[in-house]
Amino acid sequence: MIELKNVNKWYGEYHALVDVNETIGTGEVVVVCGPSGSGKSTLIRTINRLEEIQGGNIVLDGQDIHDPRLDVNVLRAGIGFVFQQFNLFPHLTVLENCTLAAIQLGKLSAAEARERAMSLLERVGLAHKAAAIPSQLSGGQQQRVAIARALTLKPPLMLLDEPTSALDPEMVGEVLLVMRDLARDGMTMVCVTHEMGFAREVADRVIFMDQGAVLERATPQDFFNRPQHPRTQKFLSDIRSPFEKTS
């Protein structure tokens, strides 16, 4: 579904993505991990052109996403994106947040959009909050609404940019459960996350980045049990708890 070919990205003199080559198949769940500032979020934001690249190509379903004839809004309508900070419209209800894009971009009637949105809110366990506004919800609830909103256009691809990093620890689990259910339904997902338990349990493949480059790609079993690159080995050693290290 996604091909990245020699992708390079700079911010001024800072080389944020360095010759990234990657292929992600339809139905594959890929977790991108690495230390802060490694280029993880920049990488997935290039796939729907929230970040522009300065070199290379990105092909989505056979379409070069930088083709000048491409309508960027149509591209983004086919990609669900879940942000770290939820990005819900604060003045709209939960239901209105979920129906807005379906009506404006998906060309659904208000009734059709409402039916689809309520079904998705039911799926994430929040149909009873349809009339609430975001400030009345917990962080975990807001992120589950954001996931439901991203699904309203029935995108074939979901990109998730550290979807649990802004949450209190007790709220992380409820969001991860929704993400796990999506993965089990065959949704193509690329997820930037520090949640190694999610990567171990749900991912088909783990990509490790540092300093803008992909240093390792492996199945979860190989990634956690037999990491090859010295930088990956150090990363995994550093994130293990002191109790694990001393046991």
Protein backbone atom coordinates (compact mmCIF):
# COMPACT_ATOMS: atom_id res chain seq x y z
CA MET A 1 0.00 0.00 0.00
CA ILE A 2 2.80 2.45 0.87
CA GLU A 3 6.23 2.76 -0.70
CA LEU A 4 8.82 5.24 0.51
CA LYS A 5 11.79 5.54 -1.81
CA ASN A 6 14.92 7.44 -0.73
CA VAL A 7 12.81 9.92 1.25
CA ASN A 8 14.71 12.90 2.63
CA LYS A 9 13.43 15.77 4.72
CA TRP A 10 15.25 18.82 6.07
CA TYR A 11 14.25 21.54 8.49
CA GLY A 12 16.76 24.19 7.51
CA GLU A 13 20.12 22.50 8.01
CA TYR A 14 18.66 19.73 10.16
CA HIS A 15 18.36 16.45 8.25
CA ALA A 16 15.14 15.01 9.75
CA LEU A 17 14.69 12.01 7.41
CA VAL A 18 17.72 10.36 5.84
CA ASP A 19 17.27 8.13 2.77
CA VAL A 20 14.23 6.28 4.12
CA ASN A 21 13.18 3.24 2.08
CA GLU A 22 10.19 1.28 3.32
CA THR A 23 7.28 -0.77 2.00
CA ILE A 24 4.09 -1.30 4.00
CA GLY A 25 1.59 -3.85 2.77
CA THR A 26 -2.21 -3.69 2.79
CA GLY A 27 -3.54 -4.92 6.13
CA GLU A 28 -0.14 -4.64 7.79
CA VAL A 29 0.23 -3.09 11.26
CA VAL A 30 3.57 -1.33 11.58
CA VAL A 31 4.83 0.30 14.76
CA VAL A 32 7.51 2.98 14.39
CA CYS A 33 9.60 3.52 17.50
CA GLY A 34 12.83 5.16 18.56
CA PRO A 35 14.16 7.90 20.82
CA SER A 36 12.69 11.40 20.85
CA GLY A 37 13.74 13.41 17.82
CA SER A 38 14.48 10.33 15.72
CA GLY A 39 12.11 11.34 12.90
CA LYS A 40 9.21 9.00 13.70
CA SER A 41 6.41 11.56 13.65
CA THR A 42 7.93 13.40 10.70
CA LEU A 43 7.95 10.12 8.78
CA ILE A 44 4.26 9.35 9.12
CA ARG A 45 3.28 13.00 8.60
CA THR A 46 4.93 12.88 5.16
CA ILE A 47 2.55 10.08 4.09
CA ASN A 48 -0.46 12.43 4.00
CA ARG A 49 1.63 15.51 3.17
CA LEU A 50 1.29 17.24 6.50
CA GLU A 51 5.05 17.49 6.03
CA GLU A 52 6.59 17.99 2.59
CA ILE A 53 9.75 16.14 1.58
CA GLN A 54 12.77 17.51 -0.26
CA GLY A 55 13.91 14.29 -1.88
CA GLY A 56 12.62 10.89 -2.91
CA ASN A 57 9.13 9.57 -3.62
CA ILE A 58 6.15 8.36 -1.63
CA VAL A 59 3.69 6.12 -3.47
CA LEU A 60 0.30 5.27 -1.99
CA ASP A 61 -1.75 2.58 -3.74
CA GLY A 62 0.27 3.13 -6.90
CA GLN A 63 -0.19 6.93 -6.83
CA ASP A 64 2.76 9.28 -6.36
CA ILE A 65 1.41 11.57 -3.65
CA HIS A 66 3.49 14.47 -4.99
CA ASP A 67 2.04 14.28 -8.49
CA PRO A 68 1.05 17.90 -9.24
CA ARG A 69 -2.31 16.66 -10.57
CA LEU A 70 -3.18 15.05 -7.23
CA ASP A 71 -5.86 16.68 -5.09
CA VAL A 72 -4.34 16.75 -1.59
CA ASN A 73 -7.77 16.92 0.04
CA VAL A 74 -8.82 13.72 -1.73
CA LEU A 75 -5.56 12.10 -0.62
CA ARG A 76 -6.14 13.06 3.02
CA ALA A 77 -9.79 11.97 2.91
CA GLY A 78 -8.53 8.43 2.29
CA ILE A 79 -6.16 8.46 5.26
CA GLY A 80 -7.33 8.48 8.85
CA PHE A 81 -4.96 10.47 11.07
CA VAL A 82 -4.99 10.41 14.86
CA PHE A 83 -2.93 13.11 16.55
CA GLN A 84 -1.13 13.16 19.88
CA GLN A 85 -3.26 16.06 21.17
CA PHE A 86 -6.67 14.80 19.89
CA ASN A 87 -7.35 17.99 17.86
CA LEU A 88 -11.11 17.84 18.38
CA PHE A 89 -13.11 20.97 17.62
CA PRO A 90 -13.82 22.31 21.13
CA HIS A 91 -17.08 24.08 20.20
CA LEU A 92 -18.66 21.03 18.54
CA THR A 93 -20.29 18.06 20.21
CA VAL A 94 -18.76 14.61 19.99
CA LEU A 95 -21.26 13.66 17.31
CA GLU A 96 -20.66 16.86 15.33
CA ASN A 97 -16.90 16.25 15.47
CA CYS A 98 -17.46 12.83 13.96
CA THR A 99 -19.93 13.84 11.25
CA LEU A 100 -18.32 17.03 9.95
CA ALA A 101 -15.83 15.44 7.54
CA ALA A 102 -18.30 12.76 6.41
CA ILE A 103 -20.75 15.47 5.35
CA GLN A 104 -18.23 17.96 3.94
CA LEU A 105 -15.80 15.54 2.27
CA GLY A 106 -17.58 12.22 2.17
CA LYS A 107 -20.71 13.74 0.68
CA LEU A 108 -22.97 11.83 3.04
CA SER A 109 -26.33 13.20 4.07
CA ALA A 110 -26.62 14.38 7.66
CA ALA A 111 -28.69 11.30 8.50
CA GLU A 112 -26.18 8.91 6.91
CA ALA A 113 -23.26 10.63 8.63
CA ARG A 114 -25.04 10.50 11.97
CA GLU A 115 -25.79 6.80 11.58
CA ARG A 116 -22.19 5.99 10.69
CA ALA A 117 -20.80 8.19 13.47
CA MET A 118 -23.07 6.69 16.12
CA SER A 119 -22.04 3.20 15.02
CA LEU A 120 -18.37 4.14 15.41
CA LEU A 121 -18.95 5.84 18.75
CA GLU A 122 -20.67 2.67 19.89
CA ARG A 123 -17.62 0.73 18.75
CA VAL A 124 -15.28 2.85 20.89
CA GLY A 125 -17.69 2.77 23.82
CA LEU A 126 -18.80 6.40 23.70
CA ALA A 127 -22.22 6.49 22.06
CA HIS A 128 -23.60 7.78 25.37
CA LYS A 129 -21.32 10.84 25.07
CA ALA A 130 -22.56 11.91 21.61
CA ALA A 131 -24.03 15.17 22.91
CA ALA A 132 -21.05 16.10 25.08
CA ILE A 133 -18.39 18.64 24.12
CA PRO A 134 -14.70 17.68 24.31
CA SER A 135 -14.02 19.61 27.54
CA GLN A 136 -16.52 17.33 29.30
CA LEU A 137 -14.49 14.22 28.39
CA SER A 138 -11.37 12.66 29.84
CA GLY A 139 -8.24 12.52 27.72
CA GLY A 140 -8.79 8.86 26.97
CA GLN A 141 -12.35 9.53 25.89
CA GLN A 142 -11.25 12.41 23.66
CA GLN A 143 -8.69 10.21 21.95
CA ARG A 144 -11.28 7.47 21.38
CA VAL A 145 -13.56 10.11 19.81
CA ALA A 146 -10.64 11.18 17.61
CA ILE A 147 -10.22 7.58 16.45
CA ALA A 148 -13.95 7.30 15.70
CA ARG A 149 -13.79 10.59 13.78
CA ALA A 150 -10.84 9.31 11.73
CA LEU A 151 -12.85 6.23 10.78
CA THR A 152 -15.97 8.02 9.57
CA LEU A 153 -14.70 8.30 5.97
CA LYS A 154 -13.86 4.56 6.00
CA PRO A 155 -10.19 5.17 5.20
CA PRO A 156 -8.16 2.18 4.01
CA LEU A 157 -5.18 3.50 5.99
CA MET A 158 -4.81 4.80 9.56
CA LEU A 159 -1.83 6.83 10.75
CA LEU A 160 -1.48 7.30 14.51
CA ASP A 161 1.07 9.78 15.85
CA GLU A 162 1.85 8.90 19.48
CA PRO A 163 -1.86 8.57 20.28
CA THR A 164 -1.31 7.75 23.96
CA SER A 165 1.58 10.05 24.88
CA ALA A 166 -0.66 12.90 26.09
CA LEU A 167 -2.75 10.61 28.28
CA ASP A 168 -2.60 9.85 31.97
CA PRO A 169 -1.35 6.27 32.49
CA GLU A 170 -4.74 4.93 33.55
CA MET A 171 -6.28 6.14 30.29
CA VAL A 172 -3.71 4.55 27.98
CA GLY A 173 -5.23 1.08 28.12
CA GLU A 174 -8.66 2.10 26.85
CA VAL A 175 -7.15 3.68 23.73
CA LEU A 176 -4.79 0.77 23.09
CA LEU A 177 -7.75 -1.65 23.22
CA VAL A 178 -9.51 0.28 20.45
CA MET A 179 -6.33 0.30 18.37
CA ARG A 180 -5.89 -3.43 18.91
CA ASP A 181 -9.45 -4.09 17.73
CA LEU A 182 -8.82 -2.07 14.56
CA ALA A 183 -5.69 -4.06 13.87
CA ARG A 184 -7.52 -7.34 14.31
CA ASP A 185 -10.13 -6.16 11.79
CA GLY A 186 -7.41 -5.94 9.13
CA MET A 187 -6.98 -2.15 9.08
CA THR A 188 -3.67 -1.01 7.59
CA MET A 189 -2.03 0.97 10.38
CA VAL A 190 1.20 2.85 10.88
CA CYS A 191 1.57 3.85 14.50
CA VAL A 192 4.27 5.91 16.17
CA THR A 193 4.26 4.87 19.81
CA HIS A 194 6.35 4.30 22.91
CA GLU A 195 3.95 1.57 24.02
CA MET A 196 6.18 -1.45 23.59
CA GLY A 197 3.50 -3.82 24.89
CA PHE A 198 1.28 -2.77 21.98
CA ALA A 199 4.14 -3.26 19.54
CA ARG A 200 4.87 -6.70 20.96
CA GLU A 201 1.24 -7.86 20.92
CA VAL A 202 -0.29 -6.22 17.86
CA ALA A 203 2.34 -5.19 15.32
CA ASP A 204 3.21 -7.28 12.29
CA ARG A 205 6.48 -5.39 12.05
CA VAL A 206 8.46 -2.92 14.14
CA ILE A 207 10.58 -0.18 12.58
CA PHE A 208 13.29 1.43 14.69
CA MET A 209 14.55 4.90 13.82
CA ASP A 210 17.32 7.12 15.10
CA GLN A 211 18.63 10.43 13.78
CA GLY A 212 16.23 10.32 10.84
CA ALA A 213 17.24 6.91 9.56
CA VAL A 214 15.62 3.47 9.74
CA LEU A 215 18.18 1.32 11.54
CA GLU A 216 16.16 -1.85 11.99
CA ARG A 217 12.96 -3.49 10.82
CA ALA A 218 11.83 -6.81 12.22
CA THR A 219 8.94 -8.87 13.48
CA PRO A 220 8.10 -8.10 17.12
CA GLN A 221 9.58 -11.42 18.20
CA ASP A 222 12.91 -10.70 16.51
CA PHE A 223 12.90 -7.03 17.47
CA PHE A 224 12.48 -7.63 21.19
CA ASN A 225 14.37 -10.91 21.50
CA ARG A 226 17.09 -10.63 18.87
CA PRO A 227 17.73 -6.96 18.03
CA GLN A 228 20.56 -6.66 15.50
CA HIS A 229 21.65 -3.02 15.49
CA PRO A 230 23.69 -1.81 18.48
CA ARG A 231 21.52 1.32 18.75
CA THR A 232 18.38 -0.82 18.91
CA GLN A 233 19.97 -2.99 21.59
CA LYS A 234 20.79 0.08 23.68
CA PHE A 235 17.29 1.54 23.21
CA LEU A 236 15.62 -1.66 24.39
CA SER A 237 18.02 -1.97 27.31
CA ASP A 238 17.34 1.61 28.39
CA ILE A 239 13.55 1.25 28.35
CA ARG A 240 13.54 -1.92 30.43
CA SER A 241 12.60 -1.25 34.03
CA PRO A 242 15.25 -1.36 36.77
CA PHE A 243 13.42 -4.36 38.20
CA GLU A 244 13.83 -6.28 34.94
CA LYS A 245 17.51 -5.38 34.78
CA THR A 246 18.22 -6.62 38.26
CA SER A 247 16.02 -9.70 38.20
